[in-house]
Amino acid sequence: MSKIQKYLVGVLVSICIIGAFGIPLGDPKFLIQAIMLESSFIALAIVSLKNFRYAYIPNFIIACIVITGNTISPKHLEIMSTLHPFYNAIVLIIGGYVLQGLLLVTNTMTFWQHRKAKIEKQSD
């Protein structure tokens, strides 16, 4: 496993940790959806660890969905802009933007590295 792939898995694990802290803070009527999203990040971390080529497209899609969802949700925007409740705002900002942005960056870097290695292997 390459160094950048380890970073990618580390970002996914970090998202899982922040998500585990965020689930109890969220609206109880969305508990099932939160658990399903958290489960998808756990699955992506495992798949990215084992065989990255099956995970790069879902990594992009889910990161974009989370960023978009946080951006268009009026309640999330209110919490993040007022920082009230503070703990919720920190979880939303770190988990919904910082780590998702890192996921997009590390996923892109890993994808290009994987693609480059594949091209080099074919030319040999």
N, C-alpha and C. Protein backbone atom coordinates (compact mmCIF):
# COMPACT_ATOMS: atom_id res chain seq x y z
N MET A 1 0.84 -1.17 0.00
CA MET A 1 0.00 0.00 0.00
C MET A 1 0.89 1.24 0.00
N SER A 2 0.52 2.20 -0.84
CA SER A 2 1.32 3.41 -0.97
C SER A 2 1.06 4.36 0.21
N LYS A 3 1.96 5.31 0.33
CA LYS A 3 1.86 6.29 1.41
C LYS A 3 0.59 7.14 1.29
N ILE A 4 0.28 7.56 0.07
CA ILE A 4 -0.91 8.40 -0.12
C ILE A 4 -2.18 7.60 0.12
N GLN A 5 -2.15 6.30 -0.18
CA GLN A 5 -3.33 5.46 0.11
C GLN A 5 -3.53 5.34 1.62
N LYS A 6 -2.44 5.30 2.37
CA LYS A 6 -2.55 5.28 3.83
C LYS A 6 -3.17 6.58 4.34
N TYR A 7 -2.79 7.71 3.72
CA TYR A 7 -3.39 8.99 4.09
C TYR A 7 -4.89 8.98 3.80
N LEU A 8 -5.26 8.43 2.65
CA LEU A 8 -6.67 8.34 2.28
C LEU A 8 -7.45 7.54 3.31
N VAL A 9 -6.93 6.40 3.68
CA VAL A 9 -7.60 5.57 4.68
C VAL A 9 -7.65 6.30 6.02
N GLY A 10 -6.59 7.03 6.36
CA GLY A 10 -6.57 7.83 7.58
C GLY A 10 -7.66 8.90 7.59
N VAL A 11 -7.86 9.54 6.45
CA VAL A 11 -8.92 10.55 6.35
C VAL A 11 -10.29 9.89 6.52
N LEU A 12 -10.49 8.74 5.88
CA LEU A 12 -11.77 8.04 6.02
C LEU A 12 -12.01 7.60 7.46
N VAL A 13 -10.98 7.14 8.13
CA VAL A 13 -11.12 6.75 9.54
C VAL A 13 -11.44 7.99 10.39
N SER A 14 -10.80 9.11 10.09
CA SER A 14 -11.09 10.35 10.81
C SER A 14 -12.53 10.79 10.62
N ILE A 15 -13.04 10.64 9.40
CA ILE A 15 -14.44 10.97 9.13
C ILE A 15 -15.34 10.06 9.96
N CYS A 16 -15.00 8.79 10.05
CA CYS A 16 -15.79 7.85 10.85
C CYS A 16 -15.80 8.25 12.33
N ILE A 17 -14.66 8.67 12.83
CA ILE A 17 -14.57 9.08 14.25
C ILE A 17 -15.41 10.33 14.51
N ILE A 18 -15.27 11.34 13.65
CA ILE A 18 -16.05 12.56 13.81
C ILE A 18 -17.54 12.24 13.66
N GLY A 19 -17.88 11.38 12.72
CA GLY A 19 -19.27 10.99 12.53
C GLY A 19 -19.84 10.28 13.75
N ALA A 20 -19.02 9.46 14.39
CA ALA A 20 -19.48 8.77 15.61
C ALA A 20 -19.79 9.77 16.71
N PHE A 21 -19.03 10.86 16.78
CA PHE A 21 -19.32 11.90 17.76
C PHE A 21 -20.56 12.70 17.35
N GLY A 22 -20.77 12.85 16.04
CA GLY A 22 -21.85 13.69 15.55
C GLY A 22 -23.22 13.03 15.55
N ILE A 23 -23.27 11.70 15.44
CA ILE A 23 -24.57 11.02 15.36
C ILE A 23 -25.46 11.33 16.56
N PRO A 24 -24.96 11.25 17.80
CA PRO A 24 -25.85 11.55 18.94
C PRO A 24 -26.31 13.00 19.00
N LEU A 25 -25.60 13.90 18.32
CA LEU A 25 -25.95 15.32 18.35
C LEU A 25 -27.03 15.69 17.35
N GLY A 26 -27.21 14.83 16.34
CA GLY A 26 -28.12 15.15 15.26
C GLY A 26 -29.58 14.98 15.64
N ASP A 27 -30.42 15.32 14.71
CA ASP A 27 -31.87 15.19 14.87
C ASP A 27 -32.23 13.70 14.92
N PRO A 28 -32.94 13.28 15.95
CA PRO A 28 -33.28 11.85 16.09
C PRO A 28 -34.09 11.29 14.92
N LYS A 29 -34.81 12.12 14.21
CA LYS A 29 -35.59 11.59 13.08
C LYS A 29 -34.70 11.20 11.89
N PHE A 30 -33.43 11.63 11.91
CA PHE A 30 -32.49 11.26 10.86
C PHE A 30 -31.44 10.25 11.35
N LEU A 31 -31.74 9.57 12.43
CA LEU A 31 -30.78 8.62 13.01
C LEU A 31 -30.44 7.49 12.04
N ILE A 32 -31.42 6.93 11.37
CA ILE A 32 -31.18 5.84 10.42
C ILE A 32 -30.29 6.30 9.27
N GLN A 33 -30.57 7.48 8.73
CA GLN A 33 -29.76 8.01 7.64
C GLN A 33 -28.33 8.28 8.10
N ALA A 34 -28.17 8.80 9.31
CA ALA A 34 -26.84 9.07 9.84
C ALA A 34 -26.05 7.77 10.02
N ILE A 35 -26.71 6.75 10.51
CA ILE A 35 -26.04 5.46 10.69
C ILE A 35 -25.67 4.86 9.34
N MET A 36 -26.55 5.00 8.36
CA MET A 36 -26.24 4.48 7.02
C MET A 36 -25.06 5.22 6.40
N LEU A 37 -25.00 6.54 6.56
CA LEU A 37 -23.88 7.32 6.04
C LEU A 37 -22.59 6.94 6.74
N GLU A 38 -22.66 6.79 8.05
CA GLU A 38 -21.49 6.38 8.83
C GLU A 38 -21.01 4.99 8.39
N SER A 39 -21.95 4.09 8.17
CA SER A 39 -21.61 2.74 7.70
C SER A 39 -20.95 2.77 6.33
N SER A 40 -21.42 3.68 5.48
CA SER A 40 -20.80 3.78 4.15
C SER A 40 -19.36 4.26 4.24
N PHE A 41 -19.07 5.18 5.16
CA PHE A 41 -17.68 5.62 5.34
C PHE A 41 -16.82 4.50 5.91
N ILE A 42 -17.37 3.71 6.81
CA ILE A 42 -16.62 2.56 7.35
C ILE A 42 -16.32 1.58 6.23
N ALA A 43 -17.33 1.29 5.41
CA ALA A 43 -17.13 0.37 4.28
C ALA A 43 -16.10 0.93 3.30
N LEU A 44 -16.15 2.23 3.02
CA LEU A 44 -15.19 2.84 2.11
C LEU A 44 -13.77 2.78 2.67
N ALA A 45 -13.63 2.94 3.98
CA ALA A 45 -12.31 2.84 4.60
C ALA A 45 -11.75 1.42 4.42
N ILE A 46 -12.59 0.43 4.62
CA ILE A 46 -12.16 -0.97 4.48
C ILE A 46 -11.81 -1.28 3.02
N VAL A 47 -12.69 -0.87 2.11
CA VAL A 47 -12.45 -1.13 0.69
C VAL A 47 -11.21 -0.38 0.20
N SER A 48 -11.04 0.87 0.64
CA SER A 48 -9.86 1.65 0.24
C SER A 48 -8.58 1.02 0.78
N LEU A 49 -8.67 0.41 1.92
CA LEU A 49 -7.51 -0.26 2.50
C LEU A 49 -7.16 -1.52 1.71
N LYS A 50 -8.17 -2.26 1.29
CA LYS A 50 -7.95 -3.52 0.59
C LYS A 50 -7.62 -3.33 -0.89
N ASN A 51 -8.50 -2.64 -1.60
CA ASN A 51 -8.34 -2.48 -3.04
C ASN A 51 -8.94 -1.14 -3.46
N PHE A 52 -8.08 -0.16 -3.63
CA PHE A 52 -8.52 1.21 -3.87
C PHE A 52 -9.38 1.36 -5.12
N ARG A 53 -9.14 0.59 -6.15
CA ARG A 53 -9.82 0.84 -7.42
C ARG A 53 -11.33 0.67 -7.33
N TYR A 54 -11.83 -0.02 -6.32
CA TYR A 54 -13.27 -0.17 -6.14
C TYR A 54 -13.88 0.96 -5.33
N ALA A 55 -13.06 1.82 -4.75
CA ALA A 55 -13.56 2.83 -3.83
C ALA A 55 -13.45 4.27 -4.33
N TYR A 56 -12.65 4.52 -5.35
CA TYR A 56 -12.41 5.92 -5.67
C TYR A 56 -13.65 6.65 -6.18
N ILE A 57 -14.49 6.02 -6.96
CA ILE A 57 -15.71 6.70 -7.43
C ILE A 57 -16.68 6.95 -6.27
N PRO A 58 -16.98 5.94 -5.42
CA PRO A 58 -17.85 6.23 -4.27
C PRO A 58 -17.26 7.28 -3.32
N ASN A 59 -15.94 7.32 -3.17
CA ASN A 59 -15.32 8.35 -2.32
C ASN A 59 -15.65 9.75 -2.85
N PHE A 60 -15.51 9.94 -4.15
CA PHE A 60 -15.84 11.24 -4.75
C PHE A 60 -17.31 11.57 -4.56
N ILE A 61 -18.17 10.62 -4.86
CA ILE A 61 -19.61 10.86 -4.82
C ILE A 61 -20.08 11.20 -3.41
N ILE A 62 -19.69 10.40 -2.43
CA ILE A 62 -20.17 10.63 -1.07
C ILE A 62 -19.61 11.92 -0.49
N ALA A 63 -18.35 12.23 -0.77
CA ALA A 63 -17.79 13.50 -0.28
C ALA A 63 -18.56 14.68 -0.87
N CYS A 64 -18.86 14.63 -2.15
CA CYS A 64 -19.62 15.72 -2.78
C CYS A 64 -21.04 15.81 -2.21
N ILE A 65 -21.67 14.68 -1.96
CA ILE A 65 -23.01 14.68 -1.38
C ILE A 65 -23.00 15.30 0.01
N VAL A 66 -22.01 14.94 0.83
CA VAL A 66 -21.95 15.48 2.19
C VAL A 66 -21.71 16.99 2.16
N ILE A 67 -20.79 17.45 1.33
CA ILE A 67 -20.52 18.89 1.24
C ILE A 67 -21.76 19.63 0.75
N THR A 68 -22.40 19.10 -0.28
CA THR A 68 -23.60 19.72 -0.82
C THR A 68 -24.73 19.72 0.21
N GLY A 69 -24.91 18.60 0.88
CA GLY A 69 -25.97 18.50 1.89
C GLY A 69 -25.78 19.50 3.02
N ASN A 70 -24.54 19.65 3.49
CA ASN A 70 -24.28 20.64 4.54
C ASN A 70 -24.50 22.06 4.05
N THR A 71 -24.20 22.30 2.80
CA THR A 71 -24.32 23.64 2.24
C THR A 71 -25.77 24.05 2.01
N ILE A 72 -26.61 23.12 1.59
CA ILE A 72 -28.00 23.48 1.27
C ILE A 72 -28.96 23.32 2.46
N SER A 73 -28.47 22.75 3.55
CA SER A 73 -29.32 22.59 4.73
C SER A 73 -29.36 23.89 5.54
N PRO A 74 -30.52 24.52 5.62
CA PRO A 74 -30.62 25.78 6.38
C PRO A 74 -30.24 25.60 7.85
N LYS A 75 -30.63 24.48 8.43
CA LYS A 75 -30.32 24.23 9.85
C LYS A 75 -28.81 24.11 10.05
N HIS A 76 -28.13 23.38 9.16
CA HIS A 76 -26.68 23.24 9.26
C HIS A 76 -25.98 24.59 9.08
N LEU A 77 -26.44 25.36 8.11
CA LEU A 77 -25.85 26.68 7.89
C LEU A 77 -26.04 27.59 9.10
N GLU A 78 -27.21 27.52 9.72
CA GLU A 78 -27.47 28.32 10.92
C GLU A 78 -26.53 27.91 12.05
N ILE A 79 -26.39 26.62 12.28
CA ILE A 79 -25.51 26.13 13.36
C ILE A 79 -24.08 26.54 13.10
N MET A 80 -23.61 26.40 11.86
CA MET A 80 -22.22 26.74 11.55
C MET A 80 -21.96 28.23 11.58
N SER A 81 -22.92 29.04 11.17
CA SER A 81 -22.68 30.48 11.15
C SER A 81 -22.80 31.11 12.53
N THR A 82 -23.65 30.56 13.39
CA THR A 82 -23.81 31.13 14.74
C THR A 82 -22.93 30.42 15.77
N LEU A 83 -22.38 29.28 15.39
CA LEU A 83 -21.60 28.44 16.30
C LEU A 83 -22.40 28.07 17.56
N HIS A 84 -23.71 27.90 17.34
CA HIS A 84 -24.58 27.51 18.47
C HIS A 84 -25.47 26.35 18.05
N PRO A 85 -25.40 25.26 18.68
CA PRO A 85 -24.48 24.85 19.75
C PRO A 85 -23.07 24.63 19.20
N PHE A 86 -22.11 25.05 19.99
CA PHE A 86 -20.71 25.09 19.57
C PHE A 86 -20.20 23.72 19.14
N TYR A 87 -20.47 22.68 19.94
CA TYR A 87 -19.97 21.34 19.64
C TYR A 87 -20.53 20.85 18.31
N ASN A 88 -21.81 21.07 18.06
CA ASN A 88 -22.42 20.68 16.78
C ASN A 88 -21.74 21.41 15.61
N ALA A 89 -21.49 22.70 15.79
CA ALA A 89 -20.87 23.49 14.74
C ALA A 89 -19.48 22.97 14.41
N ILE A 90 -18.72 22.65 15.43
CA ILE A 90 -17.36 22.13 15.21
C ILE A 90 -17.42 20.80 14.46
N VAL A 91 -18.31 19.91 14.87
CA VAL A 91 -18.46 18.61 14.20
C VAL A 91 -18.87 18.82 12.74
N LEU A 92 -19.82 19.73 12.48
CA LEU A 92 -20.26 19.99 11.11
C LEU A 92 -19.15 20.58 10.25
N ILE A 93 -18.41 21.53 10.80
CA ILE A 93 -17.36 22.19 10.03
C ILE A 93 -16.22 21.21 9.75
N ILE A 94 -15.75 20.53 10.78
CA ILE A 94 -14.63 19.60 10.59
C ILE A 94 -15.04 18.39 9.76
N GLY A 95 -16.15 17.77 10.13
CA GLY A 95 -16.58 16.56 9.43
C GLY A 95 -17.19 16.82 8.07
N GLY A 96 -17.87 17.95 7.93
CA GLY A 96 -18.60 18.21 6.70
C GLY A 96 -17.84 18.98 5.64
N TYR A 97 -16.78 19.68 6.05
CA TYR A 97 -16.03 20.48 5.08
C TYR A 97 -14.54 20.15 5.09
N VAL A 98 -13.90 20.24 6.25
CA VAL A 98 -12.46 20.04 6.31
C VAL A 98 -12.09 18.61 5.90
N LEU A 99 -12.69 17.63 6.57
CA LEU A 99 -12.33 16.24 6.26
C LEU A 99 -12.87 15.80 4.90
N GLN A 100 -14.01 16.30 4.49
CA GLN A 100 -14.52 15.94 3.16
C GLN A 100 -13.64 16.55 2.07
N GLY A 101 -13.16 17.76 2.29
CA GLY A 101 -12.20 18.36 1.35
C GLY A 101 -10.91 17.56 1.29
N LEU A 102 -10.42 17.14 2.46
CA LEU A 102 -9.23 16.29 2.49
C LEU A 102 -9.49 14.96 1.77
N LEU A 103 -10.69 14.43 1.93
CA LEU A 103 -11.04 13.18 1.24
C LEU A 103 -10.98 13.39 -0.27
N LEU A 104 -11.51 14.50 -0.77
CA LEU A 104 -11.46 14.76 -2.20
C LEU A 104 -10.02 14.91 -2.68
N VAL A 105 -9.18 15.61 -1.92
CA VAL A 105 -7.79 15.81 -2.32
C VAL A 105 -7.01 14.50 -2.28
N THR A 106 -7.08 13.78 -1.17
CA THR A 106 -6.32 12.53 -1.07
C THR A 106 -6.85 11.48 -2.03
N ASN A 107 -8.16 11.45 -2.26
CA ASN A 107 -8.72 10.51 -3.22
C ASN A 107 -8.22 10.82 -4.63
N THR A 108 -8.17 12.11 -4.98
CA THR A 108 -7.65 12.50 -6.30
C THR A 108 -6.19 12.12 -6.45
N MET A 109 -5.41 12.41 -5.42
CA MET A 109 -3.97 12.07 -5.48
C MET A 109 -3.77 10.56 -5.58
N THR A 110 -4.53 9.80 -4.82
CA THR A 110 -4.41 8.35 -4.87
C THR A 110 -4.85 7.83 -6.23
N PHE A 111 -5.91 8.39 -6.77
CA PHE A 111 -6.39 7.99 -8.09
C PHE A 111 -5.32 8.22 -9.15
N TRP A 112 -4.71 9.41 -9.14
CA TRP A 112 -3.68 9.70 -10.14
C TRP A 112 -2.47 8.80 -9.96
N GLN A 113 -2.09 8.53 -8.73
CA GLN A 113 -0.96 7.63 -8.47
C GLN A 113 -1.29 6.21 -8.95
N HIS A 114 -2.49 5.76 -8.67
CA HIS A 114 -2.93 4.43 -9.10
C HIS A 114 -2.96 4.35 -10.63
N ARG A 115 -3.47 5.40 -11.25
CA ARG A 115 -3.55 5.43 -12.71
C ARG A 115 -2.16 5.46 -13.34
N LYS A 116 -1.25 6.23 -12.76
CA LYS A 116 0.12 6.32 -13.26
C LYS A 116 0.82 4.96 -13.16
N ALA A 117 0.63 4.28 -12.03
CA ALA A 117 1.24 2.96 -11.84
C ALA A 117 0.67 1.95 -12.84
N LYS A 118 -0.61 2.07 -13.11
CA LYS A 118 -1.26 1.16 -14.07
C LYS A 118 -0.71 1.38 -15.47
N ILE A 119 -0.52 2.65 -15.87
CA ILE A 119 0.02 2.98 -17.20
C ILE A 119 1.45 2.50 -17.31
N GLU A 120 2.25 2.72 -16.24
CA GLU A 120 3.65 2.26 -16.26
C GLU A 120 3.72 0.74 -16.35
N LYS A 121 2.83 0.07 -15.69
CA LYS A 121 2.80 -1.40 -15.71
C LYS A 121 2.44 -1.92 -17.11
N GLN A 122 1.51 -1.22 -17.79
CA GLN A 122 1.12 -1.63 -19.13
C GLN A 122 2.23 -1.38 -20.15
N SER A 123 3.04 -0.36 -19.93
CA SER A 123 4.10 -0.04 -20.89
C SER A 123 5.31 -0.95 -20.73
N ASP A 124 5.40 -1.66 -19.61
CA ASP A 124 6.54 -2.57 -19.41
C ASP A 124 6.44 -3.82 -20.22
